[in-house]
Amino acid sequence: MLETVETSAKRGSDLIKQVLSFARGVEGDRSTVQIRHLIGDIEKIVKETFPKSISLRLDILPNLWTTLADATQLHQVLM
């Protein structure tokens, strides 16, 4: 539970930085991102926050490519 709170706080911090960067007209920090990890993170959030009556099924290819992106922005898009 503490790990989820810590991860959520970091994500919130990243989101605030992104909003401020957008307001200033600055482009986000791009780095190599493994989409599989982002999807796994979202899966964990969904399972912990959504009602148990909502099920989630993932079908992720085992050899997903990495991408150059802003991880916070991509996380928001996937969420």
PDB file of N, CA and C in Angstrom:
ATOM      1  N   MET A   1       0.822  -1.191   0.000  1.00  0.00           N
ATOM      2  CA  MET A   1       0.000   0.000   0.000  1.00  0.00           C
ATOM      3  C   MET A   1       0.875   1.267   0.000  1.00  0.00           C
ATOM      4  N   LEU A   2       1.929   1.234   0.805  1.00  0.00           N
ATOM      5  CA  LEU A   2       2.832   2.385   0.880  1.00  0.00           C
ATOM      6  C   LEU A   2       3.524   2.621  -0.460  1.00  0.00           C
ATOM      7  N   GLU A   3       3.863   1.549  -1.137  1.00  0.00           N
ATOM      8  CA  GLU A   3       4.501   1.665  -2.454  1.00  0.00           C
ATOM      9  C   GLU A   3       3.552   2.343  -3.444  1.00  0.00           C
ATOM     10  N   THR A   4       2.267   2.010  -3.390  1.00  0.00           N
ATOM     11  CA  THR A   4       1.273   2.622  -4.268  1.00  0.00           C
ATOM     12  C   THR A   4       1.149   4.112  -3.980  1.00  0.00           C
ATOM     13  N   VAL A   5       1.142   4.487  -2.705  1.00  0.00           N
ATOM     14  CA  VAL A   5       1.063   5.900  -2.328  1.00  0.00           C
ATOM     15  C   VAL A   5       2.284   6.650  -2.838  1.00  0.00           C
ATOM     16  N   GLU A   6       3.456   6.055  -2.667  1.00  0.00           N
ATOM     17  CA  GLU A   6       4.694   6.690  -3.120  1.00  0.00           C
ATOM     18  C   GLU A   6       4.695   6.867  -4.640  1.00  0.00           C
ATOM     19  N   THR A   7       4.294   5.839  -5.360  1.00  0.00           N
ATOM     20  CA  THR A   7       4.238   5.908  -6.824  1.00  0.00           C
ATOM     21  C   THR A   7       3.235   6.961  -7.276  1.00  0.00           C
ATOM     22  N   SER A   8       2.086   7.007  -6.621  1.00  0.00           N
ATOM     23  CA  SER A   8       1.052   7.989  -6.974  1.00  0.00           C
ATOM     24  C   SER A   8       1.522   9.412  -6.694  1.00  0.00           C
ATOM     25  N   ALA A   9       2.238   9.606  -5.586  1.00  0.00           N
ATOM     26  CA  ALA A   9       2.765  10.932  -5.261  1.00  0.00           C
ATOM     27  C   ALA A   9       3.787  11.376  -6.313  1.00  0.00           C
ATOM     28  N   LYS A  10       4.653  10.454  -6.733  1.00  0.00           N
ATOM     29  CA  LYS A  10       5.638  10.790  -7.773  1.00  0.00           C
ATOM     30  C   LYS A  10       4.937  11.115  -9.081  1.00  0.00           C
ATOM     31  N   ARG A  11       3.911  10.341  -9.420  1.00  0.00           N
ATOM     32  CA  ARG A  11       3.169  10.599 -10.645  1.00  0.00           C
ATOM     33  C   ARG A  11       2.469  11.956 -10.583  1.00  0.00           C
ATOM     34  N   GLY A  12       1.928  12.299  -9.413  1.00  0.00           N
ATOM     35  CA  GLY A  12       1.290  13.605  -9.228  1.00  0.00           C
ATOM     36  C   GLY A  12       2.289  14.731  -9.398  1.00  0.00           C
ATOM     37  N   SER A  13       3.481  14.547  -8.844  1.00  0.00           N
ATOM     38  CA  SER A  13       4.545  15.532  -8.993  1.00  0.00           C
ATOM     39  C   SER A  13       4.924  15.704 -10.463  1.00  0.00           C
ATOM     40  N   ASP A  14       5.061  14.590 -11.165  1.00  0.00           N
ATOM     41  CA  ASP A  14       5.386  14.643 -12.597  1.00  0.00           C
ATOM     42  C   ASP A  14       4.285  15.336 -13.382  1.00  0.00           C
ATOM     43  N   LEU A  15       3.042  15.105 -13.000  1.00  0.00           N
ATOM     44  CA  LEU A  15       1.907  15.726 -13.677  1.00  0.00           C
ATOM     45  C   LEU A  15       1.928  17.243 -13.495  1.00  0.00           C
ATOM     46  N   ILE A  16       2.208  17.703 -12.282  1.00  0.00           N
ATOM     47  CA  ILE A  16       2.292  19.146 -12.018  1.00  0.00           C
ATOM     48  C   ILE A  16       3.418  19.767 -12.837  1.00  0.00           C
ATOM     49  N   LYS A  17       4.568  19.083 -12.894  1.00  0.00           N
ATOM     50  CA  LYS A  17       5.680  19.578 -13.709  1.00  0.00           C
ATOM     51  C   LYS A  17       5.280  19.681 -15.172  1.00  0.00           C
ATOM     52  N   GLN A  18       4.523  18.691 -15.646  1.00  0.00           N
ATOM     53  CA  GLN A  18       4.096  18.681 -17.031  1.00  0.00           C
ATOM     54  C   GLN A  18       3.138  19.838 -17.310  1.00  0.00           C
ATOM     55  N   VAL A  19       2.201  20.092 -16.415  1.00  0.00           N
ATOM     56  CA  VAL A  19       1.254  21.201 -16.592  1.00  0.00           C
ATOM     57  C   VAL A  19       2.004  22.522 -16.611  1.00  0.00           C
ATOM     58  N   LEU A  20       2.958  22.684 -15.710  1.00  0.00           N
ATOM     59  CA  LEU A  20       3.746  23.918 -15.689  1.00  0.00           C
ATOM     60  C   LEU A  20       4.578  24.063 -16.966  1.00  0.00           C
ATOM     61  N   SER A  21       5.156  22.975 -17.439  1.00  0.00           N
ATOM     62  CA  SER A  21       5.938  23.016 -18.688  1.00  0.00           C
ATOM     63  C   SER A  21       5.048  23.387 -19.864  1.00  0.00           C
ATOM     64  N   PHE A  22       3.835  22.824 -19.891  1.00  0.00           N
ATOM     65  CA  PHE A  22       2.899  23.137 -20.965  1.00  0.00           C
ATOM     66  C   PHE A  22       2.529  24.619 -20.925  1.00  0.00           C
ATOM     67  N   ALA A  23       2.295  25.147 -19.733  1.00  0.00           N
ATOM     68  CA  ALA A  23       1.929  26.559 -19.592  1.00  0.00           C
ATOM     69  C   ALA A  23       3.062  27.471 -20.052  1.00  0.00           C
ATOM     70  N   ARG A  24       4.291  27.032 -19.861  1.00  0.00           N
ATOM     71  CA  ARG A  24       5.457  27.819 -20.275  1.00  0.00           C
ATOM     72  C   ARG A  24       5.820  27.581 -21.741  1.00  0.00           C
ATOM     73  N   GLY A  25       5.223  26.577 -22.358  1.00  0.00           N
ATOM     74  CA  GLY A  25       5.526  26.272 -23.751  1.00  0.00           C
ATOM     75  C   GLY A  25       6.779  25.440 -23.918  1.00  0.00           C
ATOM     76  N   VAL A  26       7.177  24.722 -22.868  1.00  0.00           N
ATOM     77  CA  VAL A  26       8.378  23.893 -22.893  1.00  0.00           C
ATOM     78  C   VAL A  26       7.980  22.460 -23.223  1.00  0.00           C
ATOM     79  N   GLU A  27       8.794  21.798 -24.047  1.00  0.00           N
ATOM     80  CA  GLU A  27       8.525  20.400 -24.389  1.00  0.00           C
ATOM     81  C   GLU A  27       8.916  19.479 -23.245  1.00  0.00           C
ATOM     82  N   GLY A  28       8.219  18.360 -23.075  1.00  0.00           N
ATOM     83  CA  GLY A  28       8.465  17.422 -21.972  1.00  0.00           C
ATOM     84  C   GLY A  28       9.785  16.690 -22.098  1.00  0.00           C
ATOM     85  N   ASP A  29      10.176  16.029 -21.009  1.00  0.00           N
ATOM     86  CA  ASP A  29      11.410  15.236 -20.981  1.00  0.00           C
ATOM     87  C   ASP A  29      11.162  13.901 -21.669  1.00  0.00           C
ATOM     88  N   ARG A  30      11.878  13.659 -22.723  1.00  0.00           N
ATOM     89  CA  ARG A  30      11.724  12.396 -23.438  1.00  0.00           C
ATOM     90  C   ARG A  30      12.860  11.458 -23.072  1.00  0.00           C
ATOM     91  N   SER A  31      12.486  10.213 -22.888  1.00  0.00           N
ATOM     92  CA  SER A  31      13.479   9.182 -22.583  1.00  0.00           C
ATOM     93  C   SER A  31      12.969   7.872 -23.171  1.00  0.00           C
ATOM     94  N   THR A  32      13.805   6.860 -23.136  1.00  0.00           N
ATOM     95  CA  THR A  32      13.397   5.548 -23.623  1.00  0.00           C
ATOM     96  C   THR A  32      12.405   4.960 -22.627  1.00  0.00           C
ATOM     97  N   VAL A  33      11.223   4.584 -23.117  1.00  0.00           N
ATOM     98  CA  VAL A  33      10.153   4.089 -22.264  1.00  0.00           C
ATOM     99  C   VAL A  33       9.739   2.701 -22.725  1.00  0.00           C
ATOM    100  N   GLN A  34       9.629   1.778 -21.800  1.00  0.00           N
ATOM    101  CA  GLN A  34       9.106   0.445 -22.085  1.00  0.00           C
ATOM    102  C   GLN A  34       7.604   0.485 -21.772  1.00  0.00           C
ATOM    103  N   ILE A  35       6.797   0.442 -22.807  1.00  0.00           N
ATOM    104  CA  ILE A  35       5.351   0.571 -22.655  1.00  0.00           C
ATOM    105  C   ILE A  35       4.785  -0.548 -21.784  1.00  0.00           C
ATOM    106  N   ARG A  36       5.396  -1.703 -21.823  1.00  0.00           N
ATOM    107  CA  ARG A  36       4.938  -2.832 -21.002  1.00  0.00           C
ATOM    108  C   ARG A  36       4.906  -2.448 -19.518  1.00  0.00           C
ATOM    109  N   HIS A  37       5.914  -1.693 -19.056  1.00  0.00           N
ATOM    110  CA  HIS A  37       5.965  -1.286 -17.652  1.00  0.00           C
ATOM    111  C   HIS A  37       4.854  -0.292 -17.329  1.00  0.00           C
ATOM    112  N   LEU A  38       4.590   0.631 -18.255  1.00  0.00           N
ATOM    113  CA  LEU A  38       3.504   1.587 -18.036  1.00  0.00           C
ATOM    114  C   LEU A  38       2.154   0.880 -17.962  1.00  0.00           C
ATOM    115  N   ILE A  39       1.948  -0.067 -18.840  1.00  0.00           N
ATOM    116  CA  ILE A  39       0.690  -0.815 -18.834  1.00  0.00           C
ATOM    117  C   ILE A  39       0.558  -1.607 -17.540  1.00  0.00           C
ATOM    118  N   GLY A  40       1.641  -2.197 -17.080  1.00  0.00           N
ATOM    119  CA  GLY A  40       1.611  -2.924 -15.810  1.00  0.00           C
ATOM    120  C   GLY A  40       1.288  -2.015 -14.640  1.00  0.00           C
ATOM    121  N   ASP A  41       1.814  -0.809 -14.679  1.00  0.00           N
ATOM    122  CA  ASP A  41       1.540   0.176 -13.637  1.00  0.00           C
ATOM    123  C   ASP A  41       0.057   0.561 -13.645  1.00  0.00           C
ATOM    124  N   ILE A  42      -0.482   0.783 -14.818  1.00  0.00           N
ATOM    125  CA  ILE A  42      -1.900   1.127 -14.946  1.00  0.00           C
ATOM    126  C   ILE A  42      -2.772  -0.037 -14.492  1.00  0.00           C
ATOM    127  N   GLU A  43      -2.368  -1.241 -14.820  1.00  0.00           N
ATOM    128  CA  GLU A  43      -3.124  -2.427 -14.390  1.00  0.00           C
ATOM    129  C   GLU A  43      -3.214  -2.469 -12.867  1.00  0.00           C
ATOM    130  N   LYS A  44      -2.096  -2.177 -12.202  1.00  0.00           N
ATOM    131  CA  LYS A  44      -2.078  -2.192 -10.743  1.00  0.00           C
ATOM    132  C   LYS A  44      -3.024  -1.123 -10.177  1.00  0.00           C
ATOM    133  N   ILE A  45      -2.997   0.058 -10.760  1.00  0.00           N
ATOM    134  CA  ILE A  45      -3.868   1.143 -10.301  1.00  0.00           C
ATOM    135  C   ILE A  45      -5.333   0.767 -10.485  1.00  0.00           C
ATOM    136  N   VAL A  46      -5.663   0.207 -11.640  1.00  0.00           N
ATOM    137  CA  VAL A  46      -7.045  -0.176 -11.924  1.00  0.00           C
ATOM    138  C   VAL A  46      -7.525  -1.236 -10.929  1.00  0.00           C
ATOM    139  N   LYS A  47      -6.706  -2.228 -10.683  1.00  0.00           N
ATOM    140  CA  LYS A  47      -7.098  -3.302  -9.764  1.00  0.00           C
ATOM    141  C   LYS A  47      -7.276  -2.805  -8.335  1.00  0.00           C
ATOM    142  N   GLU A  48      -6.507  -1.788  -7.945  1.00  0.00           N
ATOM    143  CA  GLU A  48      -6.583  -1.282  -6.572  1.00  0.00           C
ATOM    144  C   GLU A  48      -7.676  -0.237  -6.378  1.00  0.00           C
ATOM    145  N   THR A  49      -8.095   0.432  -7.449  1.00  0.00           N
ATOM    146  CA  THR A  49      -9.044   1.538  -7.274  1.00  0.00           C
ATOM    147  C   THR A  49     -10.441   1.261  -7.820  1.00  0.00           C
ATOM    148  N   PHE A  50     -10.554   0.485  -8.876  1.00  0.00           N
ATOM    149  CA  PHE A  50     -11.868   0.233  -9.462  1.00  0.00           C
ATOM    150  C   PHE A  50     -12.588  -0.841  -8.659  1.00  0.00           C
ATOM    151  N   PRO A  51     -13.921  -0.845  -8.717  1.00  0.00           N
ATOM    152  CA  PRO A  51     -14.674  -1.903  -8.024  1.00  0.00           C
ATOM    153  C   PRO A  51     -14.286  -3.287  -8.548  1.00  0.00           C
ATOM    154  N   LYS A  52     -14.404  -4.287  -7.684  1.00  0.00           N
ATOM    155  CA  LYS A  52     -14.032  -5.660  -8.064  1.00  0.00           C
ATOM    156  C   LYS A  52     -14.943  -6.209  -9.152  1.00  0.00           C
ATOM    157  N   SER A  53     -16.121  -5.583  -9.354  1.00  0.00           N
ATOM    158  CA  SER A  53     -17.028  -6.047 -10.403  1.00  0.00           C
ATOM    159  C   SER A  53     -16.520  -5.706 -11.803  1.00  0.00           C
ATOM    160  N   ILE A  54     -15.527  -4.827 -11.887  1.00  0.00           N
ATOM    161  CA  ILE A  54     -14.923  -4.458 -13.167  1.00  0.00           C
ATOM    162  C   ILE A  54     -13.667  -5.298 -13.351  1.00  0.00           C
ATOM    163  N   SER A  55     -13.641  -6.053 -14.423  1.00  0.00           N
ATOM    164  CA  SER A  55     -12.464  -6.886 -14.678  1.00  0.00           C
ATOM    165  C   SER A  55     -11.616  -6.267 -15.779  1.00  0.00           C
ATOM    166  N   LEU A  56     -10.360  -6.558 -15.729  1.00  0.00           N
ATOM    167  CA  LEU A  56      -9.400  -6.047 -16.700  1.00  0.00           C
ATOM    168  C   LEU A  56      -8.665  -7.227 -17.293  1.00  0.00           C
ATOM    169  N   ARG A  57      -8.601  -7.262 -18.605  1.00  0.00           N
ATOM    170  CA  ARG A  57      -7.880  -8.336 -19.280  1.00  0.00           C
ATOM    171  C   ARG A  57      -6.876  -7.701 -20.239  1.00  0.00           C
ATOM    172  N   LEU A  58      -5.637  -8.098 -20.123  1.00  0.00           N
ATOM    173  CA  LEU A  58      -4.580  -7.556 -20.972  1.00  0.00           C
ATOM    174  C   LEU A  58      -4.088  -8.614 -21.944  1.00  0.00           C
ATOM    175  N   ASP A  59      -3.777  -8.163 -23.132  1.00  0.00           N
ATOM    176  CA  ASP A  59      -3.186  -9.040 -24.137  1.00  0.00           C
ATOM    177  C   ASP A  59      -2.008  -8.267 -24.739  1.00  0.00           C
ATOM    178  N   ILE A  60      -0.859  -8.402 -24.111  1.00  0.00           N
ATOM    179  CA  ILE A  60       0.325  -7.635 -24.494  1.00  0.00           C
ATOM    180  C   ILE A  60       1.311  -8.556 -25.200  1.00  0.00           C
ATOM    181  N   LEU A  61       1.774  -8.113 -26.333  1.00  0.00           N
ATOM    182  CA  LEU A  61       2.780  -8.890 -27.058  1.00  0.00           C
ATOM    183  C   LEU A  61       4.059  -8.991 -26.234  1.00  0.00           C
ATOM    184  N   PRO A  62       4.713 -10.128 -26.238  1.00  0.00           N
ATOM    185  CA  PRO A  62       5.920 -10.300 -25.415  1.00  0.00           C
ATOM    186  C   PRO A  62       7.115  -9.480 -25.902  1.00  0.00           C
ATOM    187  N   ASN A  63       7.109  -9.065 -27.158  1.00  0.00           N
ATOM    188  CA  ASN A  63       8.275  -8.355 -27.697  1.00  0.00           C
ATOM    189  C   ASN A  63       7.931  -6.905 -28.085  1.00  0.00           C
ATOM    190  N   LEU A  64       7.263  -6.182 -27.186  1.00  0.00           N
ATOM    191  CA  LEU A  64       6.953  -4.779 -27.451  1.00  0.00           C
ATOM    192  C   LEU A  64       8.239  -3.968 -27.555  1.00  0.00           C
ATOM    193  N   TRP A  65       8.259  -3.047 -28.476  1.00  0.00           N
ATOM    194  CA  TRP A  65       9.420  -2.182 -28.641  1.00  0.00           C
ATOM    195  C   TRP A  65       9.409  -1.096 -27.575  1.00  0.00           C
ATOM    196  N   THR A  66      10.584  -0.551 -27.315  1.00  0.00           N
ATOM    197  CA  THR A  66      10.648   0.641 -26.474  1.00  0.00           C
ATOM    198  C   THR A  66      10.370   1.843 -27.373  1.00  0.00           C
ATOM    199  N   THR A  67      10.035   2.960 -26.754  1.00  0.00           N
ATOM    200  CA  THR A  67       9.759   4.166 -27.523  1.00  0.00           C
ATOM    201  C   THR A  67      10.398   5.356 -26.831  1.00  0.00           C
ATOM    202  N   LEU A  68      10.654   6.401 -27.580  1.00  0.00           N
ATOM    203  CA  LEU A  68      11.198   7.635 -27.035  1.00  0.00           C
ATOM    204  C   LEU A  68      10.018   8.555 -26.766  1.00  0.00           C
ATOM    205  N   ALA A  69       9.720   8.798 -25.489  1.00  0.00           N
ATOM    206  CA  ALA A  69       8.529   9.577 -25.144  1.00  0.00           C
ATOM    207  C   ALA A  69       8.666  10.155 -23.743  1.00  0.00           C
ATOM    208  N   ASP A  70       7.750  11.045 -23.414  1.00  0.00           N
ATOM    209  CA  ASP A  70       7.610  11.541 -22.050  1.00  0.00           C
ATOM    210  C   ASP A  70       6.752  10.527 -21.312  1.00  0.00           C
ATOM    211  N   ALA A  71       7.312   9.851 -20.336  1.00  0.00           N
ATOM    212  CA  ALA A  71       6.609   8.758 -19.640  1.00  0.00           C
ATOM    213  C   ALA A  71       5.325   9.235 -18.972  1.00  0.00           C
ATOM    214  N   THR A  72       5.322  10.440 -18.409  1.00  0.00           N
ATOM    215  CA  THR A  72       4.130  10.955 -17.750  1.00  0.00           C
ATOM    216  C   THR A  72       3.016  11.188 -18.760  1.00  0.00           C
ATOM    217  N   GLN A  73       3.345  11.777 -19.900  1.00  0.00           N
ATOM    218  CA  GLN A  73       2.328  12.019 -20.925  1.00  0.00           C
ATOM    219  C   GLN A  73       1.773  10.715 -21.454  1.00  0.00           C
ATOM    220  N   LEU A  74       2.645   9.763 -21.705  1.00  0.00           N
ATOM    221  CA  LEU A  74       2.203   8.480 -22.227  1.00  0.00           C
ATOM    222  C   LEU A  74       1.324   7.752 -21.198  1.00  0.00           C
ATOM    223  N   HIS A  75       1.682   7.853 -19.945  1.00  0.00           N
ATOM    224  CA  HIS A  75       0.874   7.248 -18.883  1.00  0.00           C
ATOM    225  C   HIS A  75      -0.537   7.841 -18.884  1.00  0.00           C
ATOM    226  N   GLN A  76      -0.639   9.157 -19.049  1.00  0.00           N
ATOM    227  CA  GLN A  76      -1.944   9.814 -19.084  1.00  0.00           C
ATOM    228  C   GLN A  76      -2.774   9.341 -20.278  1.00  0.00           C
ATOM    229  N   VAL A  77      -2.131   9.208 -21.404  1.00  0.00           N
ATOM    230  CA  VAL A  77      -2.834   8.759 -22.612  1.00  0.00           C
ATOM    231  C   VAL A  77      -3.384   7.338 -22.408  1.00  0.00           C
ATOM    232  N   LEU A  78      -2.556   6.462 -21.870  1.00  0.00           N
ATOM    233  CA  LEU A  78      -2.983   5.081 -21.658  1.00  0.00           C
ATOM    234  C   LEU A  78      -4.070   4.969 -20.586  1.00  0.00           C
ATOM    235  N   MET A  79      -3.978   5.829 -19.585  1.00  0.00           N
ATOM    236  CA  MET A  79      -4.975   5.790 -18.518  1.00  0.00           C
ATOM    237  C   MET A  79      -6.326   6.233 -19.059  1.00  0.00           C
TER     238      MET A  79
END
